[in-house]
Amino acid sequence: MQDTAAGGTYVNPTGDFTRDTNYITSRITADGRDGYPVEPGRYRLVVSRACPWASRAITVRRLLGLEPVLSMAVAGPTHDERSWTFDLYPGGRDPVLGIERLQEAYFARVPGYERGITVPAIVDVPTGKVVTNDYPQITLDLSIEWKAHHRPGAPDLYPDDRREEIDEVAGVVFADVNNGVYRCGFAGSQGAYEKGYRRLFDRLDWLSERLERQRYLVGDTITEVDVRLFTTLVRFDAVYHGHFKCNRHKLSELPVLWAYARDLFQTPGFGDTVDFDHIKRHYYVVHADINPTRVVPAGPDLSGWLTRHGREALGGRPFGDGTPPGPPPPDEVVSLDHWQ
């Protein structure tokens, strides 16, 4: 069993889901210490709007205003065992990299690359080689190493004085929620599933208690960890509740988390990057071992995402001393048809 979003996925002999987290860890830095200096126009961020791990990078890039200096290729929502493809573009090729499959950029870097062909990935355009697919580090480096190219008014998503707490909360969010839904969905035994299910909802209850008293997870502004939690929450009712059997409650039945998620969704840079059509088609079509008919559900009703959330009463300033990003570039606007 594999999921080429953020690493191969496997079920061990006890039925527990595990994720291969060995990535290409070269970093693009201001000083170029790994051989890849930050340079406007040199790199291309390859994503899928279906993938929660890639969606982190889409949102962070948009919040920081990096669109003019870091171009983005959007792969189609479905793929086969080999690779994500660029079937959304004319001729089925990425117009900048000139390739049909992301696999080609991985093989250019590591011939015969045997691990998951994952998104997000950043490709060095001149050589056509993948620089990194280390998705947790990618978004941190966009905040830290690309700072000279942030838009005026960009938020500080990883402030120095909050990093220890952000890292701590992000660790449990990854283990129990981001990865927790997969632990339920890909469980190979009843016991493994029930263990993952309890762990997931115990953590969601913990998050509800934390967010009942504060608008954001760390401090009074949006940070990296809010982005990381959002990309799982926004998929919860559309995919994880049914497809992954995370069905103690829907997100829309958890008042605090539902309001928190709507607050973020309605914040520029979050909801305007979400493509529910791509999300549903990816999970229900690609995971044929879970959904052998590959029938994509018509629901749920998505209109609730735009309803009043009331979280302003808790205070907080989404962008701190900064400002919201402007509209997305015209070629990156998600069709309203994909929110139906």
Protein backbone atom coordinates (compact mmCIF):
# COMPACT_ATOMS: atom_id res chain seq x y z
CA MET A 1 0.00 0.00 0.00
CA GLN A 2 1.40 3.38 -0.97
CA ASP A 3 0.32 6.99 -0.80
CA THR A 4 2.56 9.25 -2.86
CA ALA A 5 1.55 12.44 -1.12
CA ALA A 6 4.13 12.51 1.66
CA GLY A 7 6.02 9.26 1.64
CA GLY A 8 5.26 5.60 1.17
CA THR A 9 2.74 4.09 3.54
CA TYR A 10 2.92 0.59 4.86
CA VAL A 11 1.06 -1.75 7.21
CA ASN A 12 3.24 -3.78 9.56
CA PRO A 13 2.46 -7.35 10.66
CA THR A 14 0.30 -6.13 13.58
CA GLY A 15 -1.84 -4.07 11.22
CA ASP A 16 -0.44 -0.70 12.27
CA PHE A 17 0.05 1.98 9.63
CA THR A 18 3.56 3.41 9.29
CA ARG A 19 4.84 6.22 7.09
CA ASP A 20 8.22 6.33 5.39
CA THR A 21 9.61 9.71 6.44
CA ASN A 22 12.98 9.47 4.70
CA TYR A 23 13.08 12.42 2.32
CA ILE A 24 15.51 14.24 0.05
CA THR A 25 16.65 16.73 2.65
CA SER A 26 18.71 19.27 0.70
CA ARG A 27 17.66 22.76 1.73
CA ILE A 28 17.27 25.98 -0.21
CA THR A 29 18.84 28.58 2.05
CA ALA A 30 19.79 32.23 2.02
CA ASP A 31 23.49 31.31 2.23
CA GLY A 32 23.27 28.39 -0.19
CA ARG A 33 25.13 26.06 2.16
CA ASP A 34 23.63 22.94 0.53
CA GLY A 35 24.41 24.23 -2.94
CA TYR A 36 20.93 25.65 -3.46
CA PRO A 37 20.81 29.38 -2.67
CA VAL A 38 17.51 31.24 -2.56
CA GLU A 39 17.10 32.80 -6.02
CA PRO A 40 13.90 34.30 -7.42
CA GLY A 41 12.68 32.32 -10.43
CA ARG A 42 15.14 29.46 -10.08
CA TYR A 43 12.87 26.91 -8.40
CA ARG A 44 9.42 25.46 -8.99
CA LEU A 45 7.18 24.21 -6.21
CA VAL A 46 5.28 21.11 -7.34
CA VAL A 47 2.06 20.41 -5.45
CA SER A 48 -1.30 18.76 -5.63
CA ARG A 49 -4.28 20.56 -4.15
CA ALA A 50 -5.56 17.12 -3.14
CA CYS A 51 -2.69 16.48 -0.76
CA PRO A 52 -2.74 17.85 2.81
CA TRP A 53 1.05 17.90 3.03
CA ALA A 54 1.39 19.86 -0.22
CA SER A 55 -1.46 22.15 0.79
CA ARG A 56 0.66 23.39 3.68
CA ALA A 57 3.22 24.70 1.19
CA ILE A 58 0.52 26.25 -1.01
CA THR A 59 -0.93 28.17 1.94
CA VAL A 60 2.42 29.29 3.37
CA ARG A 61 3.64 30.46 -0.04
CA ARG A 62 0.47 32.47 -0.45
CA LEU A 63 0.46 33.96 3.05
CA LEU A 64 4.07 35.09 2.61
CA GLY A 65 3.48 36.46 -0.89
CA LEU A 66 6.14 34.34 -2.56
CA GLU A 67 4.19 33.80 -5.80
CA PRO A 68 6.37 36.22 -7.84
CA VAL A 69 9.63 34.48 -6.88
CA LEU A 70 8.63 30.82 -6.54
CA SER A 71 6.44 29.46 -9.32
CA MET A 72 4.03 26.61 -8.67
CA ALA A 73 3.06 23.55 -10.71
CA VAL A 74 -0.20 21.86 -9.81
CA ALA A 75 -0.36 18.13 -10.49
CA GLY A 76 -3.67 16.45 -11.21
CA PRO A 77 -5.60 14.96 -8.30
CA THR A 78 -5.12 11.32 -9.29
CA HIS A 79 -2.05 9.28 -10.09
CA ASP A 80 -0.94 5.72 -10.66
CA GLU A 81 1.75 3.74 -8.85
CA ARG A 82 4.52 5.56 -10.70
CA SER A 83 3.91 9.21 -10.12
CA TRP A 84 1.85 12.36 -10.01
CA THR A 85 1.16 13.66 -13.53
CA PHE A 86 0.68 17.10 -15.06
CA ASP A 87 -2.54 16.27 -16.87
CA LEU A 88 -4.11 19.62 -15.93
CA TYR A 89 -1.84 21.41 -18.42
CA PRO A 90 -2.17 21.45 -22.23
CA GLY A 91 -0.46 18.42 -23.69
CA GLY A 92 -0.10 16.86 -20.24
CA ARG A 93 3.25 18.53 -19.59
CA ASP A 94 4.30 21.06 -16.98
CA PRO A 95 4.86 24.24 -19.01
CA VAL A 96 8.02 25.21 -17.11
CA LEU A 97 9.72 21.87 -16.43
CA GLY A 98 8.53 20.26 -19.66
CA ILE A 99 7.84 16.91 -18.01
CA GLU A 100 4.77 14.66 -17.93
CA ARG A 101 5.44 13.05 -14.56
CA LEU A 102 7.02 14.31 -11.37
CA GLN A 103 8.94 11.04 -11.39
CA GLU A 104 11.17 12.46 -14.13
CA ALA A 105 12.49 15.18 -11.79
CA TYR A 106 13.16 12.62 -9.05
CA PHE A 107 15.02 10.33 -11.46
CA ALA A 108 17.06 13.31 -12.67
CA ARG A 109 18.28 13.77 -9.09
CA VAL A 110 18.50 10.10 -8.06
CA PRO A 111 18.39 7.63 -10.98
CA GLY A 112 15.90 4.88 -10.22
CA TYR A 113 14.69 6.63 -7.06
CA GLU A 114 12.90 3.90 -5.11
CA ARG A 115 10.99 5.80 -2.43
CA GLY A 116 7.68 7.56 -2.84
CA ILE A 117 7.44 10.18 -5.60
CA THR A 118 5.92 12.71 -3.25
CA VAL A 119 4.46 16.18 -3.18
CA PRO A 120 5.29 18.81 -2.24
CA ALA A 121 8.63 18.86 -4.02
CA ILE A 122 10.79 21.77 -5.07
CA VAL A 123 12.56 21.36 -8.41
CA ASP A 124 15.63 23.24 -9.60
CA VAL A 125 14.42 24.52 -12.98
CA PRO A 126 17.83 24.81 -14.74
CA THR A 127 18.75 21.18 -14.03
CA GLY A 128 15.26 19.68 -13.77
CA LYS A 129 16.28 17.92 -10.55
CA VAL A 130 14.29 17.68 -7.32
CA VAL A 131 16.01 19.67 -4.60
CA THR A 132 13.86 18.55 -1.68
CA ASN A 133 10.63 16.82 -0.78
CA ASP A 134 11.12 17.32 2.97
CA TYR A 135 7.69 18.86 3.44
CA PRO A 136 7.97 19.91 7.13
CA GLN A 137 11.23 21.74 6.42
CA ILE A 138 9.97 23.25 3.15
CA THR A 139 7.40 25.46 4.87
CA LEU A 140 9.75 26.45 7.68
CA ASP A 141 12.38 27.47 5.15
CA LEU A 142 9.84 29.51 3.20
CA SER A 143 9.33 31.46 6.42
CA ILE A 144 12.99 31.72 7.45
CA GLU A 145 15.28 31.43 4.44
CA TRP A 146 13.09 33.25 1.90
CA LYS A 147 12.40 36.20 4.20
CA ALA A 148 14.07 38.75 1.93
CA HIS A 149 11.40 38.01 -0.66
CA HIS A 150 8.31 38.07 1.57
CA ARG A 151 5.61 40.53 0.59
CA PRO A 152 5.24 43.73 2.64
CA GLY A 153 2.99 42.90 5.59
CA ALA A 154 3.69 39.15 5.47
CA PRO A 155 2.95 37.41 8.80
CA ASP A 156 5.66 35.82 10.91
CA LEU A 157 4.52 32.21 10.87
CA TYR A 158 7.50 30.94 12.87
CA PRO A 159 8.44 33.69 15.34
CA ASP A 160 11.67 33.22 17.31
CA ASP A 161 10.04 33.57 20.70
CA ARG A 162 7.36 30.96 19.94
CA ARG A 163 9.32 28.30 18.08
CA GLU A 164 9.69 25.87 20.98
CA GLU A 165 5.95 25.88 21.65
CA ILE A 166 5.10 25.73 17.93
CA ASP A 167 7.38 22.71 17.50
CA GLU A 168 5.87 20.99 20.54
CA VAL A 169 2.27 21.46 19.43
CA ALA A 170 3.13 20.62 15.82
CA GLY A 171 4.67 17.36 16.98
CA VAL A 172 1.51 16.08 18.63
CA VAL A 173 -0.69 17.42 15.84
CA PHE A 174 1.37 15.46 13.32
CA ALA A 175 1.51 12.25 15.33
CA ASP A 176 -2.11 12.12 16.42
CA VAL A 177 -4.09 14.13 13.83
CA ASN A 178 -2.27 14.72 10.51
CA ASN A 179 -0.92 11.18 10.54
CA GLY A 180 -3.65 9.93 12.86
CA VAL A 181 -6.37 9.94 10.23
CA TYR A 182 -4.14 7.77 8.02
CA ARG A 183 -3.52 5.46 10.94
CA CYS A 184 -7.27 4.85 11.01
CA GLY A 185 -7.82 4.68 7.27
CA PHE A 186 -4.95 2.33 6.44
CA ALA A 187 -5.17 0.11 9.53
CA GLY A 188 -4.73 -3.55 8.69
CA SER A 189 -6.50 -4.95 11.74
CA GLN A 190 -9.44 -4.09 13.97
CA GLY A 191 -7.17 -3.56 16.94
CA ALA A 192 -4.86 -1.22 15.08
CA TYR A 193 -7.83 0.76 13.78
CA GLU A 194 -9.44 1.14 17.20
CA LYS A 195 -6.15 2.21 18.77
CA GLY A 196 -5.66 4.85 16.09
CA TYR A 197 -9.29 5.97 16.36
CA ARG A 198 -9.05 6.55 20.11
CA ARG A 199 -5.73 8.38 19.75
CA LEU A 200 -7.14 10.66 17.04
CA PHE A 201 -10.29 11.69 18.89
CA ASP A 202 -8.50 12.05 22.23
CA ARG A 203 -6.23 14.58 20.53
CA LEU A 204 -9.13 16.36 18.85
CA ASP A 205 -10.75 16.70 22.28
CA TRP A 206 -7.49 18.11 23.63
CA LEU A 207 -7.31 20.60 20.78
CA SER A 208 -10.91 21.62 21.39
CA GLU A 209 -10.10 22.39 25.01
CA ARG A 210 -7.04 24.41 24.01
CA LEU A 211 -8.90 26.38 21.35
CA GLU A 212 -11.93 27.07 23.49
CA ARG A 213 -9.95 29.79 25.26
CA GLN A 214 -7.71 31.11 22.48
CA ARG A 215 -8.24 31.89 18.82
CA TYR A 216 -5.08 30.24 17.50
CA LEU A 217 -2.96 27.32 18.64
CA VAL A 218 0.10 29.32 19.75
CA GLY A 219 -0.09 32.98 20.67
CA ASP A 220 -2.63 35.41 19.28
CA THR A 221 -1.66 35.18 15.58
CA ILE A 222 -1.65 32.52 12.88
CA THR A 223 1.50 30.40 12.96
CA GLU A 224 2.92 27.40 11.13
CA VAL A 225 1.06 24.96 13.37
CA ASP A 226 -2.35 26.44 12.48
CA VAL A 227 -1.55 25.79 8.83
CA ARG A 228 -0.61 22.21 9.65
CA LEU A 229 -3.80 21.49 11.54
CA PHE A 230 -6.06 23.25 9.03
CA THR A 231 -5.08 21.05 6.10
CA THR A 232 -6.35 17.97 7.97
CA LEU A 233 -9.48 19.61 9.36
CA VAL A 234 -10.59 20.92 5.97
CA ARG A 235 -10.57 17.34 4.62
CA PHE A 236 -12.24 15.77 7.62
CA ASP A 237 -15.91 15.65 6.68
CA ALA A 238 -15.30 15.32 2.94
CA VAL A 239 -12.90 12.38 3.25
CA TYR A 240 -11.67 11.21 6.63
CA HIS A 241 -15.02 10.78 8.39
CA GLY A 242 -16.27 8.21 5.88
CA HIS A 243 -13.37 7.04 3.73
CA PHE A 244 -10.96 6.64 6.66
CA LYS A 245 -13.64 5.61 9.21
CA CYS A 246 -12.87 8.57 11.51
CA ASN A 247 -16.52 8.67 12.42
CA ARG A 248 -17.01 9.33 16.12
CA HIS A 249 -18.03 12.83 15.07
CA LYS A 250 -17.92 14.94 11.96
CA LEU A 251 -15.87 18.11 12.24
CA SER A 252 -19.14 20.02 11.89
CA GLU A 253 -20.32 18.29 15.09
CA LEU A 254 -17.34 19.49 17.14
CA PRO A 255 -18.31 23.11 17.92
CA VAL A 256 -14.92 24.57 18.85
CA LEU A 257 -12.88 22.92 16.11
CA TRP A 258 -15.57 23.59 13.52
CA ALA A 259 -15.60 27.31 14.38
CA TYR A 260 -11.78 27.41 14.41
CA ALA A 261 -11.58 25.70 11.02
CA ARG A 262 -14.17 28.07 9.53
CA ASP A 263 -12.28 31.05 10.92
CA LEU A 264 -9.13 29.93 9.09
CA PHE A 265 -11.04 28.93 5.95
CA GLN A 266 -12.43 32.45 5.71
CA THR A 267 -8.97 33.99 6.19
CA PRO A 268 -7.26 34.92 2.89
CA GLY A 269 -4.64 32.35 2.03
CA PHE A 270 -6.50 29.39 3.50
CA GLY A 271 -9.91 28.67 1.99
CA ASP A 272 -9.00 30.24 -1.33
CA THR A 273 -6.35 27.53 -1.84
CA VAL A 274 -8.74 24.61 -1.15
CA ASP A 275 -10.05 22.47 -3.99
CA PHE A 276 -12.68 20.07 -2.66
CA ASP A 277 -13.15 18.44 -6.05
CA HIS A 278 -9.47 17.50 -6.23
CA ILE A 279 -9.51 16.35 -2.61
CA LYS A 280 -12.41 13.96 -3.04
CA ARG A 281 -11.28 12.60 -6.41
CA HIS A 282 -7.80 11.86 -5.07
CA TYR A 283 -8.78 9.89 -2.01
CA TYR A 284 -11.74 8.00 -3.41
CA VAL A 285 -10.11 7.15 -6.75
CA VAL A 286 -6.46 6.53 -5.81
CA HIS A 287 -7.15 4.48 -2.67
CA ALA A 288 -8.81 1.65 -4.56
CA ASP A 289 -7.87 -0.83 -1.82
CA ILE A 290 -10.19 1.12 0.51
CA ASN A 291 -12.76 2.15 -2.10
CA PRO A 292 -12.62 -0.51 -4.85
CA THR A 293 -15.59 0.95 -6.77
CA ARG A 294 -13.79 4.32 -7.01
CA VAL A 295 -17.16 6.02 -6.70
CA VAL A 296 -16.66 9.61 -5.53
CA PRO A 297 -19.35 10.82 -3.09
CA ALA A 298 -21.49 13.80 -4.08
CA GLY A 299 -21.47 15.30 -0.57
CA PRO A 300 -21.02 16.72 1.92
CA ASP A 301 -22.76 20.10 1.72
CA LEU A 302 -19.91 22.63 1.81
CA SER A 303 -21.96 25.78 2.37
CA GLY A 304 -21.30 25.68 6.11
CA TRP A 305 -17.67 26.67 5.55
CA LEU A 306 -18.80 30.21 4.79
CA THR A 307 -21.09 30.64 7.80
CA ARG A 308 -20.32 32.98 10.68
CA HIS A 309 -17.81 31.52 13.15
CA GLY A 310 -17.73 34.09 15.97
CA ARG A 311 -14.08 33.48 16.84
CA GLU A 312 -13.29 37.21 16.74
CA ALA A 313 -14.69 37.37 20.29
CA LEU A 314 -11.53 35.61 21.49
CA GLY A 315 -9.37 38.47 20.23
CA GLY A 316 -6.23 37.72 18.33
CA ARG A 317 -4.92 39.27 15.15
CA PRO A 318 -4.63 36.82 12.25
CA PHE A 319 -1.63 38.53 10.65
CA GLY A 320 -0.18 40.22 13.72
CA ASP A 321 1.21 43.58 12.68
CA GLY A 322 0.96 42.53 9.04
CA THR A 323 -1.81 42.44 6.48
CA PRO A 324 -3.79 39.82 4.55
CA PRO A 325 -2.44 38.68 1.18
CA GLY A 326 -4.09 40.08 -1.91
CA PRO A 327 -6.07 37.93 -4.36
CA PRO A 328 -4.29 34.85 -5.74
CA PRO A 329 -2.74 35.12 -9.20
CA PRO A 330 -5.37 34.56 -11.91
CA ASP A 331 -3.86 31.25 -13.00
CA GLU A 332 -3.97 29.95 -9.42
CA VAL A 333 -7.61 30.73 -8.63
CA VAL A 334 -9.58 27.62 -7.60
CA SER A 335 -12.78 27.31 -9.62
CA LEU A 336 -15.91 27.95 -7.56
CA ASP A 337 -17.33 24.82 -9.19
CA HIS A 338 -14.83 22.85 -7.11
CA TRP A 339 -16.39 24.12 -3.87
CA GLN A 340 -19.78 22.62 -4.66
